[in-house]
Amino acid sequence: MVRESSANPSRRSFLKKTATVAAGAVISRTSLSGEKGGLLKMIEPASIKGSDAKPVKEKAIPTFCGMCGPSAGCGIYAIVRDGKFVGVEGMKDLPLNRGRRCAKSSGAPQWVYSKQRLKYPMRRIGERGEGKFERISWDEALDTVANKLKEQKEKYGPESLAIISPAHRTYSQYIYRFLTAHGSPNYGHSGICAMQRAFGYAYTLGTTPTPDYGMTKLVVL
């Protein structure tokens, strides 16, 4: 008897493994492109005789993308495989994006599982820009923020506080209520687009200035 080695697999073994991978890929693709959201799709290459692969559980959960500011709301399916968020697919039934998705939407899993994502309060212990922080408790963080807000309010007035945060978030209503209680009307949405510039102009100059192209000697695009 000749024992099969991993380096030189037999033709029969090669075909079985190839069929297993192909079947899993076809079923996986069907589950991603199917427009019936929320259905649990089972990818079971182990059902093919001779395969030792484990079944894969996959869900396509209907939701919307919140990676943008005021323009957020594109319909997507969040693809969850074996309990982990692995990607997104566009929702063809939604008129807003009609199945299309951008790079920000596609990068959502990187944002969720980023090593730099904050999970607890951090206090800077070095100079600004050095990237040195230490972990502190929630009580200590809340006391620090509250004391700083009181100091700022007494010294500069409540209107000196402004908050910019992404739009379409469940916590937006609490930001409004907090600013009202503090005495400031200065709330701006979106933290990833041009809103910071427009926000600054609106609250300092009263409007957003535009370039005077007629008097410009040099324009760089």
N, C-alpha and C. Protein backbone atom coordinates (compact mmCIF):
# COMPACT_ATOMS: atom_id res chain seq x y z
N MET A 1 0.85 -1.20 0.00
CA MET A 1 0.00 0.00 0.00
C MET A 1 0.89 1.25 0.00
N VAL A 2 0.54 2.18 -0.85
CA VAL A 2 1.29 3.43 -0.94
C VAL A 2 0.50 4.50 -0.20
N ARG A 3 1.08 5.07 0.85
CA ARG A 3 0.40 6.10 1.62
C ARG A 3 0.51 7.43 0.88
N GLU A 4 -0.62 8.13 0.79
CA GLU A 4 -0.64 9.42 0.11
C GLU A 4 0.02 10.48 0.98
N SER A 5 0.91 11.26 0.40
CA SER A 5 1.58 12.34 1.14
C SER A 5 0.91 13.65 0.83
N SER A 6 1.07 14.63 1.74
CA SER A 6 0.47 15.95 1.54
C SER A 6 1.12 16.67 0.38
N ALA A 7 2.37 16.31 0.07
CA ALA A 7 3.08 16.98 -1.00
C ALA A 7 2.65 16.46 -2.37
N ASN A 8 2.23 15.18 -2.44
CA ASN A 8 1.82 14.58 -3.70
C ASN A 8 0.46 13.93 -3.57
N PRO A 9 -0.62 14.68 -3.51
CA PRO A 9 -1.95 14.12 -3.35
C PRO A 9 -2.38 13.38 -4.60
N SER A 10 -3.24 12.38 -4.41
CA SER A 10 -3.74 11.64 -5.55
C SER A 10 -4.73 12.48 -6.33
N ARG A 11 -5.00 12.07 -7.59
CA ARG A 11 -5.94 12.81 -8.44
C ARG A 11 -7.33 12.80 -7.84
N ARG A 12 -7.73 11.67 -7.26
CA ARG A 12 -9.06 11.54 -6.67
C ARG A 12 -9.22 12.48 -5.47
N SER A 13 -8.19 12.51 -4.61
CA SER A 13 -8.23 13.39 -3.44
C SER A 13 -8.28 14.85 -3.84
N PHE A 14 -7.52 15.18 -4.89
CA PHE A 14 -7.49 16.56 -5.37
C PHE A 14 -8.85 16.99 -5.88
N LEU A 15 -9.53 16.11 -6.63
CA LEU A 15 -10.85 16.45 -7.17
C LEU A 15 -11.88 16.61 -6.05
N LYS A 16 -11.79 15.76 -5.02
CA LYS A 16 -12.74 15.87 -3.90
C LYS A 16 -12.58 17.20 -3.19
N LYS A 17 -11.35 17.59 -2.93
CA LYS A 17 -11.13 18.85 -2.21
C LYS A 17 -11.53 20.05 -3.07
N THR A 18 -11.27 19.96 -4.39
CA THR A 18 -11.66 21.04 -5.28
C THR A 18 -13.18 21.20 -5.32
N ALA A 19 -13.88 20.07 -5.38
CA ALA A 19 -15.34 20.12 -5.40
C ALA A 19 -15.88 20.71 -4.11
N THR A 20 -15.23 20.42 -2.98
CA THR A 20 -15.65 20.97 -1.70
C THR A 20 -15.54 22.48 -1.67
N VAL A 21 -14.38 23.00 -2.12
CA VAL A 21 -14.17 24.45 -2.14
C VAL A 21 -15.13 25.12 -3.09
N ALA A 22 -15.36 24.54 -4.28
CA ALA A 22 -16.25 25.13 -5.28
C ALA A 22 -17.69 25.18 -4.77
N ALA A 23 -18.14 24.10 -4.13
CA ALA A 23 -19.51 24.07 -3.61
C ALA A 23 -19.70 25.12 -2.53
N GLY A 24 -18.72 25.25 -1.64
CA GLY A 24 -18.80 26.26 -0.58
C GLY A 24 -18.84 27.66 -1.14
N ALA A 25 -18.04 27.91 -2.20
CA ALA A 25 -17.99 29.24 -2.79
C ALA A 25 -19.31 29.60 -3.46
N VAL A 26 -19.92 28.64 -4.17
CA VAL A 26 -21.18 28.91 -4.85
C VAL A 26 -22.28 29.23 -3.86
N ILE A 27 -22.38 28.42 -2.79
CA ILE A 27 -23.43 28.64 -1.80
C ILE A 27 -23.19 29.95 -1.06
N SER A 28 -21.92 30.26 -0.78
CA SER A 28 -21.59 31.50 -0.08
C SER A 28 -21.99 32.70 -0.93
N ARG A 29 -21.70 32.65 -2.23
CA ARG A 29 -22.02 33.77 -3.10
C ARG A 29 -23.53 33.97 -3.20
N THR A 30 -24.25 32.84 -3.21
CA THR A 30 -25.71 32.93 -3.27
C THR A 30 -26.26 33.62 -2.04
N SER A 31 -25.66 33.31 -0.90
CA SER A 31 -26.16 33.91 0.34
C SER A 31 -25.86 35.39 0.42
N LEU A 32 -24.77 35.82 -0.27
CA LEU A 32 -24.43 37.24 -0.23
C LEU A 32 -25.29 38.05 -1.19
N SER A 33 -25.57 37.49 -2.35
CA SER A 33 -26.30 38.26 -3.35
C SER A 33 -27.80 38.13 -3.21
N GLY A 34 -28.28 37.18 -2.43
CA GLY A 34 -29.71 37.02 -2.25
C GLY A 34 -30.31 38.24 -1.58
N GLU A 35 -31.47 38.64 -2.03
CA GLU A 35 -32.08 39.87 -1.53
C GLU A 35 -33.04 39.64 -0.37
N LYS A 36 -33.11 38.42 0.12
CA LYS A 36 -33.96 38.15 1.27
C LYS A 36 -33.11 38.26 2.52
N GLY A 37 -33.09 39.45 3.14
CA GLY A 37 -32.22 39.69 4.28
C GLY A 37 -32.67 38.93 5.51
N GLY A 38 -31.72 38.67 6.40
CA GLY A 38 -32.03 38.04 7.67
C GLY A 38 -32.11 36.53 7.60
N LEU A 39 -31.92 35.95 6.41
CA LEU A 39 -31.99 34.50 6.29
C LEU A 39 -30.67 33.89 6.71
N LEU A 40 -30.75 32.80 7.43
CA LEU A 40 -29.55 32.09 7.86
C LEU A 40 -29.14 31.14 6.77
N LYS A 41 -27.96 31.31 6.23
CA LYS A 41 -27.46 30.46 5.17
C LYS A 41 -26.44 29.49 5.75
N MET A 42 -26.59 28.23 5.41
CA MET A 42 -25.66 27.21 5.87
C MET A 42 -24.77 26.79 4.71
N ILE A 43 -23.46 26.91 4.87
CA ILE A 43 -22.50 26.43 3.90
C ILE A 43 -21.89 25.17 4.48
N GLU A 44 -22.21 24.03 3.89
CA GLU A 44 -21.83 22.76 4.49
C GLU A 44 -21.01 21.91 3.54
N PRO A 45 -19.73 22.28 3.33
CA PRO A 45 -18.88 21.43 2.49
C PRO A 45 -18.66 20.06 3.12
N ALA A 46 -18.91 19.95 4.43
CA ALA A 46 -18.71 18.66 5.09
C ALA A 46 -19.73 17.63 4.63
N SER A 47 -20.80 18.09 3.96
CA SER A 47 -21.80 17.15 3.48
C SER A 47 -21.30 16.36 2.28
N ILE A 48 -20.23 16.84 1.65
CA ILE A 48 -19.64 16.11 0.53
C ILE A 48 -18.81 14.96 1.09
N LYS A 49 -19.03 13.79 0.59
CA LYS A 49 -18.37 12.60 1.12
C LYS A 49 -16.86 12.73 1.06
N GLY A 50 -16.24 12.42 2.16
CA GLY A 50 -14.79 12.44 2.22
C GLY A 50 -14.22 13.77 2.67
N SER A 51 -15.04 14.78 2.86
CA SER A 51 -14.55 16.10 3.26
C SER A 51 -14.49 16.18 4.78
N ASP A 52 -13.45 16.84 5.30
CA ASP A 52 -13.30 17.03 6.74
C ASP A 52 -13.50 18.49 7.13
N ALA A 53 -14.03 19.32 6.19
CA ALA A 53 -14.24 20.74 6.48
C ALA A 53 -15.42 20.90 7.43
N LYS A 54 -15.40 21.99 8.20
CA LYS A 54 -16.46 22.26 9.17
C LYS A 54 -17.54 23.14 8.52
N PRO A 55 -18.82 22.94 8.91
CA PRO A 55 -19.89 23.80 8.38
C PRO A 55 -19.66 25.26 8.77
N VAL A 56 -20.06 26.14 7.87
CA VAL A 56 -19.93 27.57 8.12
C VAL A 56 -21.33 28.18 8.21
N LYS A 57 -21.61 28.90 9.29
CA LYS A 57 -22.90 29.57 9.45
C LYS A 57 -22.75 31.03 9.02
N GLU A 58 -23.62 31.44 8.13
CA GLU A 58 -23.53 32.79 7.61
C GLU A 58 -24.89 33.48 7.63
N LYS A 59 -24.91 34.75 8.05
CA LYS A 59 -26.14 35.54 8.07
C LYS A 59 -25.94 36.79 7.21
N ALA A 60 -27.00 37.17 6.51
CA ALA A 60 -27.04 38.44 5.80
C ALA A 60 -28.09 39.30 6.49
N ILE A 61 -27.64 40.23 7.34
CA ILE A 61 -28.54 41.02 8.18
C ILE A 61 -28.86 42.35 7.51
N PRO A 62 -30.13 42.63 7.19
CA PRO A 62 -30.48 43.91 6.54
C PRO A 62 -30.31 45.07 7.51
N THR A 63 -29.63 46.13 7.05
CA THR A 63 -29.40 47.31 7.88
C THR A 63 -29.06 48.47 6.95
N PHE A 64 -28.55 49.57 7.50
CA PHE A 64 -28.11 50.67 6.67
C PHE A 64 -26.73 51.11 7.11
N CYS A 65 -25.99 51.73 6.21
CA CYS A 65 -24.63 52.18 6.50
C CYS A 65 -24.66 53.53 7.20
N GLY A 66 -23.89 53.67 8.26
CA GLY A 66 -23.81 54.93 8.99
C GLY A 66 -22.42 55.53 8.95
N MET A 67 -21.63 55.19 7.94
CA MET A 67 -20.25 55.67 7.88
C MET A 67 -20.15 57.11 7.40
N CYS A 68 -21.21 57.65 6.77
CA CYS A 68 -21.22 59.04 6.31
C CYS A 68 -21.96 59.92 7.30
N GLY A 69 -22.01 61.22 6.99
CA GLY A 69 -22.73 62.17 7.83
C GLY A 69 -24.16 62.32 7.39
N PRO A 70 -24.53 63.50 6.87
CA PRO A 70 -25.93 63.74 6.53
C PRO A 70 -26.43 62.89 5.39
N SER A 71 -25.52 62.35 4.56
CA SER A 71 -25.96 61.54 3.42
C SER A 71 -26.04 60.07 3.76
N ALA A 72 -25.88 59.69 5.02
CA ALA A 72 -25.89 58.28 5.41
C ALA A 72 -27.27 57.68 5.21
N GLY A 73 -27.32 56.41 5.06
CA GLY A 73 -28.59 55.71 4.94
C GLY A 73 -28.63 54.74 3.79
N CYS A 74 -27.51 54.44 3.15
CA CYS A 74 -27.49 53.46 2.08
C CYS A 74 -27.85 52.09 2.64
N GLY A 75 -28.70 51.37 1.92
CA GLY A 75 -29.12 50.05 2.38
C GLY A 75 -28.05 49.01 2.12
N ILE A 76 -27.72 48.24 3.13
CA ILE A 76 -26.70 47.20 3.00
C ILE A 76 -27.13 45.94 3.75
N TYR A 77 -26.46 44.87 3.47
CA TYR A 77 -26.56 43.65 4.26
C TYR A 77 -25.23 43.46 4.97
N ALA A 78 -25.27 43.35 6.29
CA ALA A 78 -24.06 43.05 7.06
C ALA A 78 -23.87 41.54 7.05
N ILE A 79 -22.74 41.09 6.53
CA ILE A 79 -22.47 39.67 6.42
C ILE A 79 -21.76 39.19 7.68
N VAL A 80 -22.39 38.29 8.38
CA VAL A 80 -21.85 37.75 9.63
C VAL A 80 -21.57 36.26 9.42
N ARG A 81 -20.32 35.89 9.56
CA ARG A 81 -19.91 34.51 9.34
C ARG A 81 -19.32 33.93 10.63
N ASP A 82 -19.94 32.87 11.10
CA ASP A 82 -19.52 32.23 12.35
C ASP A 82 -19.45 33.25 13.49
N GLY A 83 -20.44 34.14 13.53
CA GLY A 83 -20.53 35.11 14.62
C GLY A 83 -19.65 36.33 14.46
N LYS A 84 -18.96 36.48 13.33
CA LYS A 84 -18.06 37.63 13.14
C LYS A 84 -18.49 38.43 11.91
N PHE A 85 -18.50 39.76 12.05
CA PHE A 85 -18.82 40.68 10.97
C PHE A 85 -17.67 40.68 9.97
N VAL A 86 -17.92 40.20 8.74
CA VAL A 86 -16.83 40.03 7.78
C VAL A 86 -16.95 40.92 6.55
N GLY A 87 -18.12 41.51 6.29
CA GLY A 87 -18.23 42.34 5.10
C GLY A 87 -19.64 42.87 4.91
N VAL A 88 -19.84 43.61 3.83
CA VAL A 88 -21.15 44.17 3.52
C VAL A 88 -21.47 43.92 2.05
N GLU A 89 -22.75 43.86 1.75
CA GLU A 89 -23.25 43.77 0.39
C GLU A 89 -24.32 44.84 0.20
N GLY A 90 -24.38 45.43 -0.97
CA GLY A 90 -25.36 46.47 -1.24
C GLY A 90 -26.78 45.91 -1.32
N MET A 91 -27.76 46.73 -0.94
CA MET A 91 -29.16 46.32 -0.97
C MET A 91 -29.80 46.89 -2.25
N LYS A 92 -30.10 46.00 -3.19
CA LYS A 92 -30.61 46.44 -4.49
C LYS A 92 -32.01 47.04 -4.42
N ASP A 93 -32.78 46.66 -3.41
CA ASP A 93 -34.16 47.14 -3.32
C ASP A 93 -34.27 48.59 -2.86
N LEU A 94 -33.19 49.16 -2.30
CA LEU A 94 -33.27 50.52 -1.78
C LEU A 94 -32.96 51.52 -2.89
N PRO A 95 -33.86 52.48 -3.17
CA PRO A 95 -33.63 53.43 -4.26
C PRO A 95 -32.41 54.32 -4.06
N LEU A 96 -32.02 54.55 -2.81
CA LEU A 96 -30.92 55.48 -2.54
C LEU A 96 -29.61 55.02 -3.17
N ASN A 97 -29.25 53.75 -3.01
CA ASN A 97 -27.97 53.27 -3.54
C ASN A 97 -28.11 52.13 -4.54
N ARG A 98 -29.29 51.49 -4.60
CA ARG A 98 -29.56 50.44 -5.60
C ARG A 98 -28.46 49.37 -5.66
N GLY A 99 -28.04 48.93 -4.49
CA GLY A 99 -27.04 47.86 -4.44
C GLY A 99 -25.60 48.31 -4.46
N ARG A 100 -25.39 49.60 -4.70
CA ARG A 100 -24.01 50.09 -4.74
C ARG A 100 -23.49 50.35 -3.33
N ARG A 101 -22.19 50.33 -3.17
CA ARG A 101 -21.56 50.64 -1.89
C ARG A 101 -20.20 51.26 -2.15
N CYS A 102 -19.76 52.11 -1.24
CA CYS A 102 -18.48 52.80 -1.42
C CYS A 102 -17.40 52.18 -0.56
N ALA A 103 -16.20 52.76 -0.61
CA ALA A 103 -15.07 52.22 0.13
C ALA A 103 -15.27 52.32 1.64
N LYS A 104 -15.96 53.39 2.08
CA LYS A 104 -16.20 53.53 3.52
C LYS A 104 -17.08 52.41 4.03
N SER A 105 -18.10 52.08 3.27
CA SER A 105 -19.00 50.99 3.66
C SER A 105 -18.25 49.66 3.67
N SER A 106 -17.43 49.44 2.66
CA SER A 106 -16.67 48.18 2.57
C SER A 106 -15.66 48.04 3.70
N GLY A 107 -15.20 49.17 4.24
CA GLY A 107 -14.21 49.13 5.30
C GLY A 107 -14.80 49.05 6.69
N ALA A 108 -16.13 48.87 6.79
CA ALA A 108 -16.78 48.83 8.10
C ALA A 108 -16.21 47.77 9.04
N PRO A 109 -15.91 46.54 8.58
CA PRO A 109 -15.33 45.55 9.51
C PRO A 109 -13.99 46.00 10.10
N GLN A 110 -13.19 46.73 9.32
CA GLN A 110 -11.92 47.23 9.85
C GLN A 110 -12.15 48.22 10.97
N TRP A 111 -13.21 49.02 10.84
CA TRP A 111 -13.55 50.00 11.87
C TRP A 111 -14.01 49.30 13.14
N VAL A 112 -14.82 48.25 12.97
CA VAL A 112 -15.36 47.52 14.13
C VAL A 112 -14.26 46.81 14.90
N TYR A 113 -13.32 46.19 14.19
CA TYR A 113 -12.29 45.37 14.85
C TYR A 113 -10.92 46.04 14.91
N SER A 114 -10.89 47.35 14.72
CA SER A 114 -9.62 48.05 14.75
C SER A 114 -8.95 47.96 16.12
N LYS A 115 -7.65 47.76 16.12
CA LYS A 115 -6.89 47.71 17.38
C LYS A 115 -6.86 49.07 18.06
N GLN A 116 -7.12 50.13 17.31
CA GLN A 116 -7.10 51.49 17.85
C GLN A 116 -8.47 51.93 18.36
N ARG A 117 -9.49 51.10 18.24
CA ARG A 117 -10.82 51.48 18.70
C ARG A 117 -10.84 51.58 20.22
N LEU A 118 -11.38 52.68 20.73
CA LEU A 118 -11.41 52.91 22.17
C LEU A 118 -12.47 52.03 22.83
N LYS A 119 -12.09 51.37 23.91
CA LYS A 119 -13.01 50.51 24.65
C LYS A 119 -13.20 50.99 26.09
N TYR A 120 -12.36 51.93 26.54
CA TYR A 120 -12.44 52.47 27.89
C TYR A 120 -11.76 53.83 27.90
N PRO A 121 -11.99 54.65 28.93
CA PRO A 121 -11.41 55.99 28.97
C PRO A 121 -9.89 55.97 29.00
N MET A 122 -9.29 56.88 28.24
CA MET A 122 -7.83 57.01 28.19
C MET A 122 -7.47 58.47 28.44
N ARG A 123 -6.44 58.70 29.25
CA ARG A 123 -5.98 60.06 29.54
C ARG A 123 -4.57 60.25 28.99
N ARG A 124 -4.38 61.38 28.30
CA ARG A 124 -3.06 61.65 27.75
C ARG A 124 -2.07 61.96 28.86
N ILE A 125 -0.91 61.32 28.84
CA ILE A 125 0.11 61.54 29.86
C ILE A 125 1.37 62.17 29.27
N GLY A 126 1.42 62.26 27.94
CA GLY A 126 2.56 62.90 27.29
C GLY A 126 2.15 64.18 26.62
N GLU A 127 3.03 64.68 25.76
CA GLU A 127 2.71 65.88 25.00
C GLU A 127 1.73 65.53 23.89
N ARG A 128 0.99 66.52 23.45
CA ARG A 128 0.03 66.31 22.37
C ARG A 128 0.76 65.80 21.13
N GLY A 129 0.30 64.70 20.58
CA GLY A 129 0.92 64.13 19.40
C GLY A 129 1.87 62.99 19.68
N GLU A 130 2.25 62.81 20.95
CA GLU A 130 3.19 61.73 21.28
C GLU A 130 2.51 60.35 21.29
N GLY A 131 1.21 60.34 21.49
CA GLY A 131 0.50 59.07 21.52
C GLY A 131 0.66 58.30 22.81
N LYS A 132 0.90 59.00 23.91
CA LYS A 132 1.06 58.34 25.21
C LYS A 132 -0.19 58.56 26.05
N PHE A 133 -0.82 57.45 26.42
CA PHE A 133 -2.05 57.51 27.20
C PHE A 133 -2.02 56.46 28.31
N GLU A 134 -2.87 56.69 29.30
CA GLU A 134 -3.04 55.70 30.36
C GLU A 134 -4.53 55.45 30.57
N ARG A 135 -4.86 54.24 30.95
CA ARG A 135 -6.26 53.89 31.17
C ARG A 135 -6.70 54.40 32.54
N ILE A 136 -7.91 55.00 32.56
CA ILE A 136 -8.48 55.48 33.82
C ILE A 136 -9.90 54.92 33.96
N SER A 137 -10.46 55.06 35.15
CA SER A 137 -11.80 54.54 35.40
C SER A 137 -12.85 55.49 34.81
N TRP A 138 -14.08 54.99 34.66
CA TRP A 138 -15.17 55.83 34.16
C TRP A 138 -15.48 56.96 35.13
N ASP A 139 -15.45 56.67 36.43
CA ASP A 139 -15.72 57.71 37.43
C ASP A 139 -14.70 58.84 37.33
N GLU A 140 -13.44 58.47 37.19
CA GLU A 140 -12.39 59.48 37.08
C GLU A 140 -12.55 60.29 35.80
N ALA A 141 -12.92 59.61 34.71
CA ALA A 141 -13.11 60.31 33.44
C ALA A 141 -14.27 61.29 33.51
N LEU A 142 -15.38 60.86 34.09
CA LEU A 142 -16.56 61.73 34.19
C LEU A 142 -16.30 62.93 35.09
N ASP A 143 -15.60 62.71 36.20
CA ASP A 143 -15.26 63.82 37.10
C ASP A 143 -14.35 64.82 36.40
N THR A 144 -13.39 64.31 35.63
CA THR A 144 -12.45 65.19 34.92
C THR A 144 -13.19 66.06 33.91
N VAL A 145 -14.08 65.45 33.14
CA VAL A 145 -14.83 66.19 32.12
C VAL A 145 -15.78 67.20 32.77
N ALA A 146 -16.48 66.77 33.82
CA ALA A 146 -17.43 67.66 34.49
C ALA A 146 -16.73 68.88 35.07
N ASN A 147 -15.61 68.68 35.72
CA ASN A 147 -14.87 69.81 36.30
C ASN A 147 -14.37 70.77 35.23
N LYS A 148 -13.94 70.20 34.10
CA LYS A 148 -13.43 71.05 33.02
C LYS A 148 -14.56 71.86 32.39
N LEU A 149 -15.74 71.24 32.26
CA LEU A 149 -16.89 71.96 31.70
C LEU A 149 -17.33 73.10 32.62
N LYS A 150 -17.34 72.86 33.91
CA LYS A 150 -17.70 73.92 34.86
C LYS A 150 -16.71 75.07 34.80
N GLU A 151 -15.44 74.73 34.75
CA GLU A 151 -14.39 75.76 34.68
C GLU A 151 -14.53 76.59 33.41
N GLN A 152 -14.77 75.91 32.29
CA GLN A 152 -14.91 76.61 31.02
C GLN A 152 -16.15 77.51 31.00
N LYS A 153 -17.24 77.01 31.56
CA LYS A 153 -18.50 77.76 31.56
C LYS A 153 -18.38 79.02 32.40
N GLU A 154 -17.74 78.92 33.57
CA GLU A 154 -17.58 80.07 34.45
C GLU A 154 -16.65 81.12 33.85
N LYS A 155 -15.64 80.66 33.11
CA LYS A 155 -14.63 81.57 32.58
C LYS A 155 -15.03 82.20 31.25
N TYR A 156 -15.66 81.40 30.35
CA TYR A 156 -15.95 81.89 29.00
C TYR A 156 -17.44 81.93 28.65
N GLY A 157 -18.29 81.38 29.52
CA GLY A 157 -19.71 81.34 29.21
C GLY A 157 -20.10 80.01 28.57
N PRO A 158 -21.37 79.65 28.64
CA PRO A 158 -21.81 78.35 28.13
C PRO A 158 -21.68 78.23 26.61
N GLU A 159 -21.76 79.37 25.87
CA GLU A 159 -21.68 79.31 24.41
C GLU A 159 -20.30 78.93 23.90
N SER A 160 -19.31 78.93 24.80
CA SER A 160 -17.97 78.56 24.38
C SER A 160 -17.84 77.07 24.10
N LEU A 161 -18.85 76.29 24.48
CA LEU A 161 -18.81 74.85 24.24
C LEU A 161 -19.51 74.51 22.94
N ALA A 162 -18.84 73.75 22.09
CA ALA A 162 -19.42 73.27 20.84
C ALA A 162 -19.14 71.78 20.70
N ILE A 163 -20.06 71.08 20.09
CA ILE A 163 -19.90 69.63 19.91
C ILE A 163 -20.15 69.29 18.45
N ILE A 164 -19.24 68.53 17.86
CA ILE A 164 -19.41 67.99 16.52
C ILE A 164 -19.40 66.48 16.63
N SER A 165 -20.42 65.83 16.10
CA SER A 165 -20.48 64.38 16.15
C SER A 165 -21.14 63.86 14.89
N PRO A 166 -20.92 62.60 14.53
CA PRO A 166 -21.57 62.04 13.33
C PRO A 166 -23.08 62.10 13.43
N ALA A 167 -23.73 62.30 12.32
CA ALA A 167 -25.19 62.33 12.29
C ALA A 167 -25.75 60.91 12.27
N HIS A 168 -27.08 60.81 12.39
CA HIS A 168 -27.78 59.53 12.34
C HIS A 168 -27.27 58.58 13.41
N ARG A 169 -27.06 59.08 14.59
CA ARG A 169 -26.63 58.23 15.69
C ARG A 169 -27.70 58.23 16.77
N THR A 170 -27.80 57.12 17.50
CA THR A 170 -28.82 57.01 18.54
C THR A 170 -28.58 57.99 19.67
N TYR A 171 -27.33 58.43 19.86
CA TYR A 171 -27.02 59.31 20.97
C TYR A 171 -27.15 60.79 20.61
N SER A 172 -27.54 61.12 19.37
CA SER A 172 -27.64 62.52 18.97
C SER A 172 -28.63 63.29 19.83
N GLN A 173 -29.75 62.66 20.18
CA GLN A 173 -30.76 63.34 21.00
C GLN A 173 -30.20 63.71 22.38
N TYR A 174 -29.32 62.88 22.91
CA TYR A 174 -28.75 63.16 24.22
C TYR A 174 -27.75 64.32 24.15
N ILE A 175 -27.08 64.45 23.00
CA ILE A 175 -26.18 65.58 22.82
C ILE A 175 -26.97 66.88 22.81
N TYR A 176 -28.09 66.89 22.09
CA TYR A 176 -28.96 68.08 22.07
C TYR A 176 -29.40 68.45 23.49
N ARG A 177 -29.86 67.47 24.23
CA ARG A 177 -30.37 67.72 25.58
C ARG A 177 -29.25 68.23 26.49
N PHE A 178 -28.07 67.65 26.33
CA PHE A 178 -26.95 68.07 27.16
C PHE A 178 -26.58 69.53 26.87
N LEU A 179 -26.48 69.88 25.59
CA LEU A 179 -26.12 71.25 25.24
C LEU A 179 -27.19 72.24 25.71
N THR A 180 -28.47 71.85 25.63
CA THR A 180 -29.54 72.72 26.12
C THR A 180 -29.41 72.96 27.61
N ALA A 181 -29.13 71.91 28.36
CA ALA A 181 -28.96 72.05 29.81
C ALA A 181 -27.72 72.88 30.14
N HIS A 182 -26.69 72.76 29.31
CA HIS A 182 -25.46 73.51 29.55
C HIS A 182 -25.62 74.98 29.18
N GLY A 183 -26.51 75.25 28.20
CA GLY A 183 -26.74 76.62 27.77
C GLY A 183 -26.10 76.99 26.46
N SER A 184 -25.74 75.98 25.65
CA SER A 184 -25.08 76.25 24.38
C SER A 184 -25.91 75.72 23.21
N PRO A 185 -26.03 76.51 22.13
CA PRO A 185 -26.75 76.05 20.94
C PRO A 185 -25.82 75.44 19.89
N ASN A 186 -24.54 75.34 20.21
CA ASN A 186 -23.53 75.03 19.20
C ASN A 186 -23.35 73.53 18.98
N TYR A 187 -24.21 72.98 18.10
CA TYR A 187 -24.10 71.57 17.74
C TYR A 187 -23.93 71.44 16.23
N GLY A 188 -22.95 70.68 15.82
CA GLY A 188 -22.73 70.43 14.40
C GLY A 188 -22.63 68.94 14.15
N HIS A 189 -23.25 68.49 13.08
CA HIS A 189 -23.22 67.06 12.78
C HIS A 189 -22.07 66.73 11.84
N SER A 190 -21.75 65.45 11.78
CA SER A 190 -20.73 64.88 10.90
C SER A 190 -19.32 65.26 11.35
N GLY A 191 -18.51 64.26 11.53
CA GLY A 191 -17.13 64.50 11.93
C GLY A 191 -16.12 64.00 10.92
N ILE A 192 -16.58 63.64 9.69
CA ILE A 192 -15.64 63.06 8.72
C ILE A 192 -15.69 63.77 7.38
N CYS A 193 -16.38 64.92 7.30
CA CYS A 193 -16.53 65.58 6.00
C CYS A 193 -16.13 67.06 6.13
N ALA A 194 -16.79 67.93 5.37
CA ALA A 194 -16.45 69.35 5.35
C ALA A 194 -17.18 70.15 6.42
N MET A 195 -17.93 69.46 7.30
CA MET A 195 -18.74 70.17 8.27
C MET A 195 -17.91 70.98 9.26
N GLN A 196 -16.70 70.50 9.60
CA GLN A 196 -15.88 71.25 10.54
C GLN A 196 -15.59 72.66 10.03
N ARG A 197 -15.27 72.77 8.74
CA ARG A 197 -14.97 74.08 8.16
C ARG A 197 -16.22 74.97 8.13
N ALA A 198 -17.34 74.38 7.68
CA ALA A 198 -18.58 75.15 7.62
C ALA A 198 -19.04 75.56 9.02
N PHE A 199 -18.87 74.66 9.98
CA PHE A 199 -19.25 74.94 11.36
C PHE A 199 -18.46 76.12 11.91
N GLY A 200 -17.14 76.10 11.69
CA GLY A 200 -16.29 77.18 12.18
C GLY A 200 -16.63 78.52 11.56
N TYR A 201 -16.85 78.53 10.24
CA TYR A 201 -17.23 79.77 9.55
C TYR A 201 -18.56 80.30 10.07
N ALA A 202 -19.55 79.42 10.19
CA ALA A 202 -20.90 79.85 10.57
C ALA A 202 -20.93 80.50 11.95
N TYR A 203 -20.14 79.98 12.88
CA TYR A 203 -20.19 80.48 14.25
C TYR A 203 -19.17 81.59 14.53
N THR A 204 -18.32 81.89 13.55
CA THR A 204 -17.38 83.00 13.74
C THR A 204 -17.65 84.16 12.77
N LEU A 205 -17.93 83.84 11.49
CA LEU A 205 -18.18 84.88 10.49
C LEU A 205 -19.66 85.03 10.16
N GLY A 206 -20.47 84.02 10.54
CA GLY A 206 -21.89 84.09 10.24
C GLY A 206 -22.27 83.49 8.91
N THR A 207 -21.28 83.14 8.10
CA THR A 207 -21.55 82.55 6.79
C THR A 207 -20.31 81.81 6.32
N THR A 208 -20.43 81.11 5.21
CA THR A 208 -19.28 80.42 4.64
C THR A 208 -18.73 81.23 3.47
N PRO A 209 -17.54 81.79 3.58
CA PRO A 209 -16.99 82.61 2.49
C PRO A 209 -16.63 81.75 1.28
N THR A 210 -16.73 82.35 0.11
CA THR A 210 -16.35 81.67 -1.13
C THR A 210 -15.17 82.38 -1.77
N PRO A 211 -14.32 81.65 -2.48
CA PRO A 211 -13.15 82.28 -3.11
C PRO A 211 -13.55 83.29 -4.19
N ASP A 212 -12.77 84.34 -4.33
CA ASP A 212 -12.98 85.36 -5.35
C ASP A 212 -12.14 84.97 -6.56
N TYR A 213 -12.70 84.10 -7.40
CA TYR A 213 -11.93 83.58 -8.53
C TYR A 213 -11.56 84.67 -9.54
N GLY A 214 -12.40 85.68 -9.66
CA GLY A 214 -12.11 86.74 -10.63
C GLY A 214 -10.85 87.53 -10.31
N MET A 215 -10.52 87.64 -9.02
CA MET A 215 -9.34 88.38 -8.62
C MET A 215 -8.15 87.48 -8.29
N THR A 216 -8.30 86.18 -8.55
CA THR A 216 -7.24 85.24 -8.21
C THR A 216 -6.22 85.13 -9.32
N LYS A 217 -4.94 85.20 -8.97
CA LYS A 217 -3.87 85.09 -9.94
C LYS A 217 -3.39 83.65 -10.13
N LEU A 218 -3.66 82.78 -9.11
CA LEU A 218 -3.21 81.39 -9.21
C LEU A 218 -4.21 80.49 -8.52
N VAL A 219 -4.66 79.46 -9.22
CA VAL A 219 -5.57 78.46 -8.67
C VAL A 219 -4.91 77.11 -8.76
N VAL A 220 -4.81 76.41 -7.64
CA VAL A 220 -4.22 75.08 -7.60
C VAL A 220 -5.32 74.06 -7.35
N LEU A 221 -5.48 73.12 -8.25
CA LEU A 221 -6.46 72.05 -8.11
C LEU A 221 -5.73 70.74 -7.88
